[in-house]
N, C-alpha and C. Protein backbone atom coordinates (compact mmCIF):
# COMPACT_ATOMS: atom_id res chain seq x y z
N UNK A 1 113.19 122.70 81.91
CA UNK A 1 113.77 121.53 81.27
C UNK A 1 113.24 120.26 81.92
N UNK A 2 112.90 119.27 81.11
CA UNK A 2 112.44 117.99 81.63
C UNK A 2 113.61 117.02 81.76
N UNK A 3 113.80 116.49 82.96
CA UNK A 3 114.86 115.51 83.19
C UNK A 3 114.24 114.13 83.26
N UNK A 4 114.81 113.17 82.55
CA UNK A 4 114.30 111.81 82.53
C UNK A 4 115.35 110.86 83.09
N UNK A 5 114.90 109.96 83.98
CA UNK A 5 115.80 108.93 84.50
C UNK A 5 115.10 107.58 84.38
N UNK A 6 115.89 106.55 84.02
CA UNK A 6 115.32 105.21 83.93
C UNK A 6 115.25 104.65 85.35
N UNK A 7 114.02 104.46 85.83
CA UNK A 7 113.81 104.19 87.25
C UNK A 7 113.40 102.76 87.54
N UNK A 8 112.51 102.21 86.71
CA UNK A 8 111.89 100.93 87.04
C UNK A 8 112.22 99.85 86.02
N UNK A 9 112.89 98.78 86.45
CA UNK A 9 113.23 97.70 85.51
C UNK A 9 111.97 96.97 85.06
N UNK A 10 112.10 96.23 83.96
CA UNK A 10 110.96 95.56 83.35
C UNK A 10 110.30 94.57 84.31
N UNK A 11 111.09 93.80 85.06
CA UNK A 11 110.51 92.79 85.95
C UNK A 11 109.61 93.42 87.00
N UNK A 12 110.01 94.61 87.48
CA UNK A 12 109.23 95.29 88.52
C UNK A 12 107.92 95.83 87.96
N UNK A 13 107.97 96.32 86.73
CA UNK A 13 106.75 96.84 86.11
C UNK A 13 105.76 95.71 85.81
N UNK A 14 106.27 94.59 85.30
CA UNK A 14 105.40 93.44 85.03
C UNK A 14 104.77 92.94 86.32
N UNK A 15 105.60 92.82 87.37
CA UNK A 15 105.07 92.40 88.69
C UNK A 15 103.98 93.36 89.16
N UNK A 16 104.23 94.66 89.03
CA UNK A 16 103.29 95.66 89.54
C UNK A 16 101.92 95.53 88.88
N UNK A 17 101.88 95.39 87.55
CA UNK A 17 100.59 95.36 86.86
C UNK A 17 99.85 94.04 87.08
N UNK A 18 100.57 92.93 87.14
CA UNK A 18 99.91 91.66 87.45
C UNK A 18 99.40 91.68 88.89
N UNK A 19 100.20 92.22 89.79
CA UNK A 19 99.80 92.34 91.19
C UNK A 19 98.54 93.19 91.32
N UNK A 20 98.51 94.31 90.60
CA UNK A 20 97.35 95.20 90.64
C UNK A 20 96.10 94.48 90.15
N UNK A 21 96.23 93.72 89.05
CA UNK A 21 95.10 92.98 88.50
C UNK A 21 94.59 91.94 89.50
N UNK A 22 95.51 91.25 90.16
CA UNK A 22 95.11 90.24 91.14
C UNK A 22 94.45 90.88 92.36
N UNK A 23 94.96 92.01 92.82
CA UNK A 23 94.37 92.70 93.97
C UNK A 23 92.94 93.14 93.65
N UNK A 24 92.73 93.69 92.45
CA UNK A 24 91.38 94.10 92.05
C UNK A 24 90.46 92.89 91.99
N UNK A 25 90.95 91.80 91.38
CA UNK A 25 90.15 90.57 91.28
C UNK A 25 89.79 90.04 92.65
N UNK A 26 90.77 90.00 93.54
CA UNK A 26 90.53 89.49 94.89
C UNK A 26 89.60 90.40 95.68
N UNK A 27 89.72 91.71 95.46
CA UNK A 27 88.83 92.65 96.15
C UNK A 27 87.38 92.46 95.74
N UNK A 28 87.15 92.31 94.42
CA UNK A 28 85.78 92.14 93.92
C UNK A 28 85.19 90.80 94.35
N UNK A 29 85.98 89.73 94.17
CA UNK A 29 85.45 88.41 94.53
C UNK A 29 85.34 88.25 96.04
N UNK A 30 86.30 88.82 96.78
CA UNK A 30 86.23 88.74 98.24
C UNK A 30 85.01 89.46 98.79
N UNK A 31 84.69 90.62 98.20
CA UNK A 31 83.48 91.34 98.61
C UNK A 31 82.23 90.54 98.27
N UNK A 32 82.23 89.89 97.10
CA UNK A 32 81.10 89.06 96.69
C UNK A 32 80.90 87.88 97.64
N UNK A 33 82.00 87.31 98.12
CA UNK A 33 81.91 86.18 99.06
C UNK A 33 81.45 86.66 100.43
N UNK A 34 82.05 87.73 100.90
CA UNK A 34 81.78 88.20 102.26
C UNK A 34 80.37 88.74 102.42
N UNK A 35 79.88 89.43 101.40
CA UNK A 35 78.55 90.04 101.49
C UNK A 35 77.57 89.34 100.56
N UNK A 36 77.71 88.03 100.44
CA UNK A 36 76.85 87.27 99.53
C UNK A 36 75.40 87.33 99.98
N UNK A 37 74.53 87.68 99.04
CA UNK A 37 73.08 87.66 99.25
C UNK A 37 72.43 87.69 97.86
N UNK A 38 71.22 87.19 97.73
CA UNK A 38 70.58 87.11 96.40
C UNK A 38 70.50 88.44 95.67
N UNK A 39 70.36 89.55 96.43
CA UNK A 39 70.16 90.84 95.77
C UNK A 39 71.38 91.73 95.73
N UNK A 40 72.53 91.27 96.21
CA UNK A 40 73.69 92.16 96.30
C UNK A 40 74.97 91.47 95.84
N UNK A 41 74.91 90.85 94.68
CA UNK A 41 76.07 90.10 94.19
C UNK A 41 76.85 90.89 93.14
N UNK A 42 78.14 90.97 93.35
CA UNK A 42 79.02 91.45 92.28
C UNK A 42 79.35 90.29 91.35
N UNK A 43 79.67 89.16 91.97
CA UNK A 43 79.95 87.93 91.23
C UNK A 43 79.21 86.81 91.94
N UNK A 44 78.58 85.92 91.19
CA UNK A 44 77.85 84.81 91.79
C UNK A 44 78.75 84.04 92.75
N UNK A 45 78.19 83.61 93.90
CA UNK A 45 78.99 83.14 95.03
C UNK A 45 79.96 82.01 94.65
N UNK A 46 79.47 80.95 94.07
CA UNK A 46 80.35 79.81 93.78
C UNK A 46 81.43 80.17 92.78
N UNK A 47 81.09 81.03 91.80
CA UNK A 47 82.09 81.48 90.83
C UNK A 47 83.12 82.38 91.53
N UNK A 48 82.62 83.25 92.42
CA UNK A 48 83.51 84.14 93.16
C UNK A 48 84.52 83.35 93.98
N UNK A 49 84.06 82.26 94.61
CA UNK A 49 84.95 81.43 95.41
C UNK A 49 86.05 80.82 94.55
N UNK A 50 85.67 80.29 93.39
CA UNK A 50 86.66 79.67 92.51
C UNK A 50 87.69 80.68 92.01
N UNK A 51 87.20 81.84 91.58
CA UNK A 51 88.11 82.88 91.08
C UNK A 51 89.00 83.38 92.22
N UNK A 52 88.41 83.57 93.39
CA UNK A 52 89.17 84.08 94.54
C UNK A 52 90.28 83.12 94.92
N UNK A 53 89.97 81.83 94.95
CA UNK A 53 90.98 80.83 95.30
C UNK A 53 92.13 80.82 94.28
N UNK A 54 91.78 80.85 92.99
CA UNK A 54 92.80 80.84 91.94
C UNK A 54 93.66 82.09 92.02
N UNK A 55 93.02 83.26 92.16
CA UNK A 55 93.76 84.52 92.22
C UNK A 55 94.61 84.59 93.49
N UNK A 56 94.11 84.02 94.57
CA UNK A 56 94.86 84.01 95.82
C UNK A 56 96.14 83.20 95.72
N UNK A 57 96.05 82.03 95.09
CA UNK A 57 97.25 81.20 94.89
C UNK A 57 98.23 81.93 93.97
N UNK A 58 97.70 82.55 92.91
CA UNK A 58 98.55 83.30 91.99
C UNK A 58 99.26 84.44 92.71
N UNK A 59 98.53 85.13 93.61
CA UNK A 59 99.13 86.23 94.37
C UNK A 59 100.24 85.72 95.29
N UNK A 60 100.01 84.58 95.93
CA UNK A 60 101.02 84.00 96.81
C UNK A 60 102.29 83.68 96.04
N UNK A 61 102.14 83.08 94.85
CA UNK A 61 103.31 82.75 94.02
C UNK A 61 104.01 84.02 93.56
N UNK A 62 103.21 84.99 93.13
CA UNK A 62 103.76 86.26 92.65
C UNK A 62 104.50 86.98 93.77
N UNK A 63 103.94 86.94 94.98
CA UNK A 63 104.58 87.61 96.12
C UNK A 63 105.92 86.96 96.45
N UNK A 64 105.96 85.63 96.42
CA UNK A 64 107.22 84.93 96.67
C UNK A 64 108.26 85.34 95.63
N UNK A 65 107.84 85.43 94.37
CA UNK A 65 108.74 85.87 93.31
C UNK A 65 109.23 87.29 93.53
N UNK A 66 108.33 88.16 93.99
CA UNK A 66 108.70 89.55 94.28
C UNK A 66 109.77 89.62 95.36
N UNK A 67 109.58 88.88 96.45
CA UNK A 67 110.54 88.91 97.56
C UNK A 67 111.91 88.44 97.10
N UNK A 68 111.94 87.36 96.32
CA UNK A 68 113.21 86.83 95.82
C UNK A 68 113.87 87.83 94.86
N UNK A 69 113.10 88.33 93.89
CA UNK A 69 113.65 89.28 92.91
C UNK A 69 114.10 90.56 93.58
N UNK A 70 113.35 91.01 94.57
CA UNK A 70 113.71 92.23 95.29
C UNK A 70 115.03 92.06 96.02
N UNK A 71 115.23 90.86 96.60
CA UNK A 71 116.48 90.59 97.32
C UNK A 71 117.65 90.46 96.37
N UNK A 72 117.47 89.71 95.29
CA UNK A 72 118.56 89.46 94.34
C UNK A 72 118.99 90.76 93.64
N UNK A 73 118.00 91.57 93.25
CA UNK A 73 118.30 92.80 92.50
C UNK A 73 118.81 93.92 93.39
N UNK A 74 118.63 93.80 94.70
CA UNK A 74 119.01 94.88 95.61
C UNK A 74 117.94 95.94 95.74
N UNK A 75 116.80 95.75 95.07
CA UNK A 75 115.72 96.74 95.13
C UNK A 75 115.10 96.85 96.51
N UNK A 76 115.31 95.84 97.36
CA UNK A 76 114.76 95.87 98.73
C UNK A 76 115.23 97.11 99.47
N UNK A 77 116.42 97.63 99.11
CA UNK A 77 116.98 98.79 99.80
C UNK A 77 116.10 100.02 99.63
N UNK A 78 115.32 100.07 98.55
CA UNK A 78 114.43 101.21 98.33
C UNK A 78 113.32 101.27 99.39
N UNK A 79 113.03 100.13 100.02
CA UNK A 79 111.94 100.07 100.99
C UNK A 79 112.40 100.41 102.40
N UNK A 80 113.68 100.73 102.56
CA UNK A 80 114.22 101.04 103.88
C UNK A 80 114.31 102.56 104.03
N UNK A 81 113.57 103.16 104.98
CA UNK A 81 113.68 104.61 105.20
C UNK A 81 115.11 104.97 105.62
N UNK A 82 115.66 106.01 105.01
CA UNK A 82 117.05 106.37 105.23
C UNK A 82 117.16 107.44 106.33
N UNK A 83 117.87 107.14 107.42
CA UNK A 83 118.12 108.17 108.43
C UNK A 83 119.18 109.13 107.92
N UNK A 84 119.33 110.32 108.58
CA UNK A 84 118.60 110.78 109.77
C UNK A 84 117.35 111.56 109.40
N UNK A 85 116.59 111.96 110.42
CA UNK A 85 115.44 112.84 110.22
C UNK A 85 114.26 112.20 109.53
N UNK A 86 114.04 110.91 109.77
CA UNK A 86 112.94 110.21 109.09
C UNK A 86 111.59 110.83 109.41
N UNK A 87 111.33 111.07 110.70
CA UNK A 87 110.02 111.61 111.09
C UNK A 87 109.80 113.00 110.53
N UNK A 88 110.84 113.83 110.57
CA UNK A 88 110.71 115.18 110.03
C UNK A 88 110.42 115.15 108.54
N UNK A 89 111.11 114.25 107.81
CA UNK A 89 110.88 114.14 106.37
C UNK A 89 109.48 113.58 106.06
N UNK A 90 109.02 112.66 106.90
CA UNK A 90 107.65 112.13 106.72
C UNK A 90 106.63 113.24 106.90
N UNK A 91 106.83 114.08 107.90
CA UNK A 91 105.90 115.18 108.16
C UNK A 91 105.92 116.19 107.01
N UNK A 92 107.10 116.49 106.52
CA UNK A 92 107.21 117.43 105.40
C UNK A 92 106.53 116.89 104.16
N UNK A 93 106.68 115.58 103.91
CA UNK A 93 106.04 114.96 102.76
C UNK A 93 104.53 114.93 102.93
N UNK A 94 104.05 114.67 104.16
CA UNK A 94 102.61 114.68 104.44
C UNK A 94 102.03 116.06 104.17
N UNK A 95 102.74 117.11 104.59
CA UNK A 95 102.28 118.47 104.33
C UNK A 95 102.16 118.72 102.82
N UNK A 96 103.13 118.22 102.07
CA UNK A 96 103.09 118.41 100.61
C UNK A 96 101.88 117.70 100.02
N UNK A 97 101.62 116.46 100.42
CA UNK A 97 100.49 115.71 99.89
C UNK A 97 99.15 116.35 100.28
N UNK A 98 99.09 116.88 101.50
CA UNK A 98 97.80 117.39 102.01
C UNK A 98 97.45 118.76 101.45
N UNK A 99 98.45 119.65 101.32
CA UNK A 99 98.11 120.97 100.79
C UNK A 99 99.20 121.59 99.90
N UNK A 100 100.43 121.22 100.09
CA UNK A 100 101.49 121.83 99.28
C UNK A 100 101.31 121.61 97.79
N UNK A 101 100.91 120.40 97.40
CA UNK A 101 100.75 120.10 95.98
C UNK A 101 99.65 120.95 95.35
N UNK A 102 98.63 121.32 96.14
CA UNK A 102 97.53 122.12 95.61
C UNK A 102 97.90 123.60 95.51
N UNK A 103 99.00 123.97 96.17
CA UNK A 103 99.48 125.36 96.11
C UNK A 103 100.61 125.51 95.10
N UNK A 104 100.91 124.41 94.38
CA UNK A 104 101.95 124.48 93.37
C UNK A 104 103.37 124.39 93.89
N UNK A 105 103.52 123.91 95.14
CA UNK A 105 104.86 123.79 95.71
C UNK A 105 105.63 122.65 95.04
N UNK A 106 106.96 122.74 95.09
CA UNK A 106 107.81 121.71 94.52
C UNK A 106 107.86 120.49 95.43
N UNK A 107 107.98 119.31 94.82
CA UNK A 107 108.15 118.07 95.57
C UNK A 107 109.35 118.22 96.51
N UNK A 108 109.15 118.02 97.83
CA UNK A 108 110.26 118.25 98.78
C UNK A 108 111.41 117.27 98.64
N UNK A 109 111.12 116.04 98.21
CA UNK A 109 112.17 115.03 98.08
C UNK A 109 112.02 114.35 96.71
N UNK A 110 112.55 114.99 95.66
CA UNK A 110 112.39 114.45 94.31
C UNK A 110 113.01 113.06 94.17
N UNK A 111 112.44 112.28 93.27
CA UNK A 111 112.94 110.93 92.99
C UNK A 111 114.31 111.01 92.35
N UNK A 112 115.20 110.11 92.79
CA UNK A 112 116.49 109.95 92.13
C UNK A 112 116.67 108.47 91.81
N UNK A 113 117.66 108.15 90.99
CA UNK A 113 117.91 106.75 90.65
C UNK A 113 118.33 105.97 91.89
N UNK A 114 119.03 106.65 92.83
CA UNK A 114 119.49 106.00 94.04
C UNK A 114 118.39 105.87 95.08
N UNK A 115 117.49 106.84 95.15
CA UNK A 115 116.41 106.85 96.15
C UNK A 115 115.08 107.05 95.44
N UNK A 116 114.36 105.96 95.21
CA UNK A 116 113.08 106.01 94.49
C UNK A 116 111.95 106.55 95.34
N UNK A 117 111.98 106.24 96.66
CA UNK A 117 110.87 106.57 97.54
C UNK A 117 111.28 107.63 98.56
N UNK A 118 110.37 108.57 98.83
CA UNK A 118 110.59 109.45 99.96
C UNK A 118 110.36 108.65 101.25
N UNK A 119 110.68 109.23 102.40
CA UNK A 119 110.62 108.49 103.66
C UNK A 119 109.22 107.97 103.96
N UNK A 120 108.19 108.77 103.68
CA UNK A 120 106.82 108.35 103.94
C UNK A 120 106.43 107.17 103.05
N UNK A 121 106.82 107.22 101.80
CA UNK A 121 106.55 106.11 100.88
C UNK A 121 107.27 104.85 101.33
N UNK A 122 108.54 104.99 101.69
CA UNK A 122 109.34 103.83 102.08
C UNK A 122 108.72 103.11 103.27
N UNK A 123 108.31 103.88 104.28
CA UNK A 123 107.68 103.27 105.46
C UNK A 123 106.37 102.60 105.10
N UNK A 124 105.55 103.30 104.30
CA UNK A 124 104.24 102.76 103.92
C UNK A 124 104.38 101.51 103.07
N UNK A 125 105.25 101.57 102.05
CA UNK A 125 105.42 100.42 101.17
C UNK A 125 106.02 99.22 101.91
N UNK A 126 106.97 99.50 102.81
CA UNK A 126 107.54 98.40 103.61
C UNK A 126 106.45 97.74 104.44
N UNK A 127 105.61 98.55 105.08
CA UNK A 127 104.55 98.03 105.94
C UNK A 127 103.58 97.18 105.14
N UNK A 128 103.19 97.65 103.96
CA UNK A 128 102.25 96.91 103.12
C UNK A 128 102.88 95.63 102.58
N UNK A 129 104.08 95.74 102.01
CA UNK A 129 104.69 94.61 101.30
C UNK A 129 105.31 93.57 102.21
N UNK A 130 105.79 94.00 103.39
CA UNK A 130 106.49 93.05 104.25
C UNK A 130 105.80 92.77 105.57
N UNK A 131 104.65 93.39 105.80
CA UNK A 131 103.88 93.11 107.02
C UNK A 131 102.44 92.72 106.69
N UNK A 132 101.72 93.60 105.98
CA UNK A 132 100.29 93.36 105.75
C UNK A 132 100.05 92.27 104.70
N UNK A 133 100.71 92.38 103.54
CA UNK A 133 100.47 91.41 102.47
C UNK A 133 100.82 89.97 102.88
N UNK A 134 101.94 89.74 103.59
CA UNK A 134 102.20 88.37 104.05
C UNK A 134 101.11 87.81 104.94
N UNK A 135 100.51 88.67 105.78
CA UNK A 135 99.41 88.22 106.65
C UNK A 135 98.21 87.83 105.79
N UNK A 136 97.90 88.65 104.78
CA UNK A 136 96.77 88.35 103.90
C UNK A 136 96.99 87.04 103.15
N UNK A 137 98.19 86.86 102.62
CA UNK A 137 98.50 85.64 101.87
C UNK A 137 98.45 84.42 102.78
N UNK A 138 99.08 84.50 103.96
CA UNK A 138 99.14 83.36 104.87
C UNK A 138 97.76 82.97 105.37
N UNK A 139 96.96 83.96 105.78
CA UNK A 139 95.61 83.64 106.28
C UNK A 139 94.74 83.11 105.15
N UNK A 140 94.93 83.63 103.93
CA UNK A 140 94.18 83.11 102.80
C UNK A 140 94.51 81.66 102.51
N UNK A 141 95.79 81.31 102.60
CA UNK A 141 96.20 79.93 102.36
C UNK A 141 95.66 79.00 103.45
N UNK A 142 95.59 79.50 104.67
CA UNK A 142 95.01 78.68 105.76
C UNK A 142 93.53 78.43 105.50
N UNK A 143 92.83 79.45 104.98
CA UNK A 143 91.42 79.25 104.63
C UNK A 143 91.27 78.23 103.52
N UNK A 144 92.19 78.27 102.56
CA UNK A 144 92.14 77.34 101.44
C UNK A 144 92.47 75.92 101.89
N UNK A 145 93.35 75.83 102.88
CA UNK A 145 93.75 74.52 103.43
C UNK A 145 93.50 74.54 104.94
N UNK A 146 92.23 74.46 105.36
CA UNK A 146 91.88 74.65 106.78
C UNK A 146 92.50 73.62 107.72
N UNK A 147 93.01 72.52 107.18
CA UNK A 147 93.67 71.55 108.05
C UNK A 147 94.93 72.14 108.68
N UNK A 148 95.42 73.25 108.14
CA UNK A 148 96.57 73.92 108.73
C UNK A 148 96.19 74.75 109.95
N UNK A 149 94.92 75.07 110.08
CA UNK A 149 94.48 75.94 111.17
C UNK A 149 94.43 75.16 112.49
N UNK A 150 94.76 75.80 113.61
CA UNK A 150 94.62 75.13 114.91
C UNK A 150 93.15 74.91 115.23
N UNK A 151 92.86 73.89 116.02
CA UNK A 151 91.47 73.62 116.40
C UNK A 151 90.91 74.77 117.21
N UNK A 152 91.73 75.30 118.13
CA UNK A 152 91.31 76.42 118.98
C UNK A 152 92.40 77.47 119.01
N UNK A 153 91.99 78.74 119.04
CA UNK A 153 92.92 79.84 119.14
C UNK A 153 92.26 80.94 119.96
N UNK A 154 92.89 81.32 121.06
CA UNK A 154 92.32 82.31 121.98
C UNK A 154 90.95 81.89 122.49
N UNK A 155 90.76 80.59 122.64
CA UNK A 155 89.52 80.07 123.21
C UNK A 155 88.36 79.98 122.25
N UNK A 156 88.59 80.25 120.96
CA UNK A 156 87.52 80.17 119.97
C UNK A 156 87.98 79.24 118.85
N UNK A 157 87.06 78.95 117.93
CA UNK A 157 87.41 78.13 116.77
C UNK A 157 88.63 78.73 116.06
N UNK A 158 89.58 77.87 115.70
CA UNK A 158 90.84 78.33 115.15
C UNK A 158 90.74 79.16 113.89
N UNK A 159 89.67 78.97 113.11
CA UNK A 159 89.53 79.72 111.87
C UNK A 159 88.98 81.13 112.07
N UNK A 160 88.36 81.39 113.23
CA UNK A 160 87.77 82.72 113.45
C UNK A 160 88.82 83.82 113.50
N UNK A 161 89.88 83.70 114.32
CA UNK A 161 90.92 84.75 114.30
C UNK A 161 91.59 84.87 112.93
N UNK A 162 91.73 83.74 112.23
CA UNK A 162 92.31 83.77 110.88
C UNK A 162 91.42 84.59 109.96
N UNK A 163 90.10 84.38 110.07
CA UNK A 163 89.15 85.12 109.24
C UNK A 163 89.22 86.63 109.52
N UNK A 164 89.30 86.98 110.80
CA UNK A 164 89.36 88.40 111.17
C UNK A 164 90.63 89.04 110.63
N UNK A 165 91.77 88.35 110.79
CA UNK A 165 93.04 88.88 110.28
C UNK A 165 93.02 89.01 108.76
N UNK A 166 92.44 88.03 108.09
CA UNK A 166 92.38 88.07 106.63
C UNK A 166 91.52 89.24 106.17
N UNK A 167 90.39 89.42 106.80
CA UNK A 167 89.47 90.50 106.44
C UNK A 167 90.10 91.87 106.69
N UNK A 168 90.71 92.05 107.87
CA UNK A 168 91.30 93.35 108.22
C UNK A 168 92.50 93.68 107.33
N UNK A 169 93.39 92.69 107.13
CA UNK A 169 94.57 92.96 106.31
C UNK A 169 94.18 93.23 104.86
N UNK A 170 93.19 92.51 104.36
CA UNK A 170 92.72 92.75 103.00
C UNK A 170 92.12 94.15 102.88
N UNK A 171 91.39 94.58 103.93
CA UNK A 171 90.82 95.92 103.93
C UNK A 171 91.90 96.99 103.88
N UNK A 172 92.99 96.78 104.62
CA UNK A 172 94.11 97.72 104.60
C UNK A 172 94.71 97.80 103.20
N UNK A 173 94.85 96.66 102.53
CA UNK A 173 95.43 96.64 101.18
C UNK A 173 94.52 97.38 100.19
N UNK A 174 93.21 97.18 100.31
CA UNK A 174 92.28 97.88 99.42
C UNK A 174 92.36 99.39 99.64
N UNK A 175 92.40 99.83 100.89
CA UNK A 175 92.52 101.26 101.19
C UNK A 175 93.85 101.81 100.65
N UNK A 176 94.92 101.03 100.81
CA UNK A 176 96.21 101.45 100.28
C UNK A 176 96.14 101.59 98.76
N UNK A 177 95.49 100.64 98.09
CA UNK A 177 95.40 100.68 96.63
C UNK A 177 94.68 101.94 96.17
N UNK A 178 93.61 102.30 96.87
CA UNK A 178 92.86 103.52 96.51
C UNK A 178 93.75 104.76 96.68
N UNK A 179 94.45 104.84 97.84
CA UNK A 179 95.33 105.97 98.09
C UNK A 179 96.49 105.98 97.10
N UNK A 180 96.98 104.80 96.75
CA UNK A 180 98.09 104.66 95.81
C UNK A 180 97.72 105.22 94.44
N UNK A 181 96.52 104.92 93.98
CA UNK A 181 96.05 105.44 92.69
C UNK A 181 95.92 106.97 92.75
N UNK A 182 95.36 107.47 93.86
CA UNK A 182 95.20 108.93 94.00
C UNK A 182 96.56 109.63 94.01
N UNK A 183 97.49 109.12 94.81
CA UNK A 183 98.81 109.76 94.91
C UNK A 183 99.58 109.62 93.60
N UNK A 184 99.19 108.64 92.78
CA UNK A 184 99.81 108.48 91.48
C UNK A 184 99.53 109.63 90.53
N UNK A 185 98.55 110.47 90.87
CA UNK A 185 98.22 111.63 90.04
C UNK A 185 99.08 112.84 90.38
N UNK A 186 99.97 112.72 91.37
CA UNK A 186 100.72 113.88 91.86
C UNK A 186 102.14 113.96 91.29
N UNK A 187 102.29 113.55 90.05
CA UNK A 187 103.59 113.68 89.40
C UNK A 187 103.71 115.00 88.67
N UNK A 188 104.64 115.06 87.72
CA UNK A 188 104.83 116.28 86.92
C UNK A 188 103.54 116.65 86.21
N UNK A 189 102.83 115.64 85.72
CA UNK A 189 101.47 115.80 85.21
C UNK A 189 100.60 114.75 85.89
N UNK A 190 99.30 114.80 85.65
CA UNK A 190 98.39 113.85 86.29
C UNK A 190 98.70 112.41 85.88
N UNK A 191 99.20 112.22 84.67
CA UNK A 191 99.43 110.86 84.16
C UNK A 191 100.89 110.43 84.16
N UNK A 192 101.81 111.32 84.50
CA UNK A 192 103.23 111.01 84.31
C UNK A 192 103.71 109.83 85.15
N UNK A 193 103.22 109.70 86.39
CA UNK A 193 103.66 108.58 87.22
C UNK A 193 103.10 107.25 86.73
N UNK A 194 101.92 107.28 86.14
CA UNK A 194 101.36 106.05 85.55
C UNK A 194 102.18 105.65 84.32
N UNK A 195 102.63 106.65 83.56
CA UNK A 195 103.47 106.36 82.39
C UNK A 195 104.81 105.76 82.84
N UNK A 196 105.33 106.24 83.97
CA UNK A 196 106.58 105.69 84.49
C UNK A 196 106.45 104.20 84.75
N UNK A 197 105.29 103.78 85.28
CA UNK A 197 105.10 102.38 85.58
C UNK A 197 104.88 101.56 84.31
N UNK A 198 104.67 102.21 83.19
CA UNK A 198 104.55 101.52 81.91
C UNK A 198 105.88 101.46 81.18
N UNK A 199 106.57 102.61 81.14
CA UNK A 199 107.81 102.71 80.35
C UNK A 199 109.07 102.52 81.18
N UNK A 200 108.99 102.78 82.47
CA UNK A 200 110.17 102.71 83.34
C UNK A 200 110.89 104.04 83.48
N UNK A 201 110.52 105.02 82.65
CA UNK A 201 111.20 106.33 82.67
C UNK A 201 110.42 107.32 83.53
N UNK A 202 111.16 108.00 84.41
CA UNK A 202 110.54 109.00 85.30
C UNK A 202 110.94 110.39 84.83
N UNK A 203 109.95 111.30 84.82
CA UNK A 203 110.20 112.67 84.40
C UNK A 203 110.07 113.62 85.58
N UNK A 204 111.07 114.51 85.73
CA UNK A 204 111.00 115.57 86.73
C UNK A 204 110.38 116.79 86.09
């Protein structure tokens, strides 16, 4: 029997798809800017800069909206790993992702309306949304408005540590996005979790 639960409200789904589009845009233009050369362009440099700046500001505004909506709706609670046994549950979920799913094992911690994320997801999503993404947004805004940067930081030009943090945090987000898409195939069917993010309905 297939069980369906309404899991994702409309605002969260709209945020997710716009956020995904902006992350892809920023990844492509950021790569074009960082590795700019006459023979290795994804997007022409000056155009990439303009698109990157616009998408970066849009991401900052969207992120602020997400934080506010998450707080008001109470959805922030989904990002908090629930004790007890967090580490044990993370390990069990890791085992399922690494080999259990390929052996046809059942999901160890099925989604419920009350608990959308397993412990491993909750920790990962919290880290990305409330630690890594704010660093990416803040460092990006400092690059856009360099007058905010200190003249010196750790004995070097103030923008250098900002650049390193921006590059590293953006790299983490890109890696997360790739893993996120892959893990999205591990639902009841290969496409069922993607459909959930479109319709809001989750199928067991």
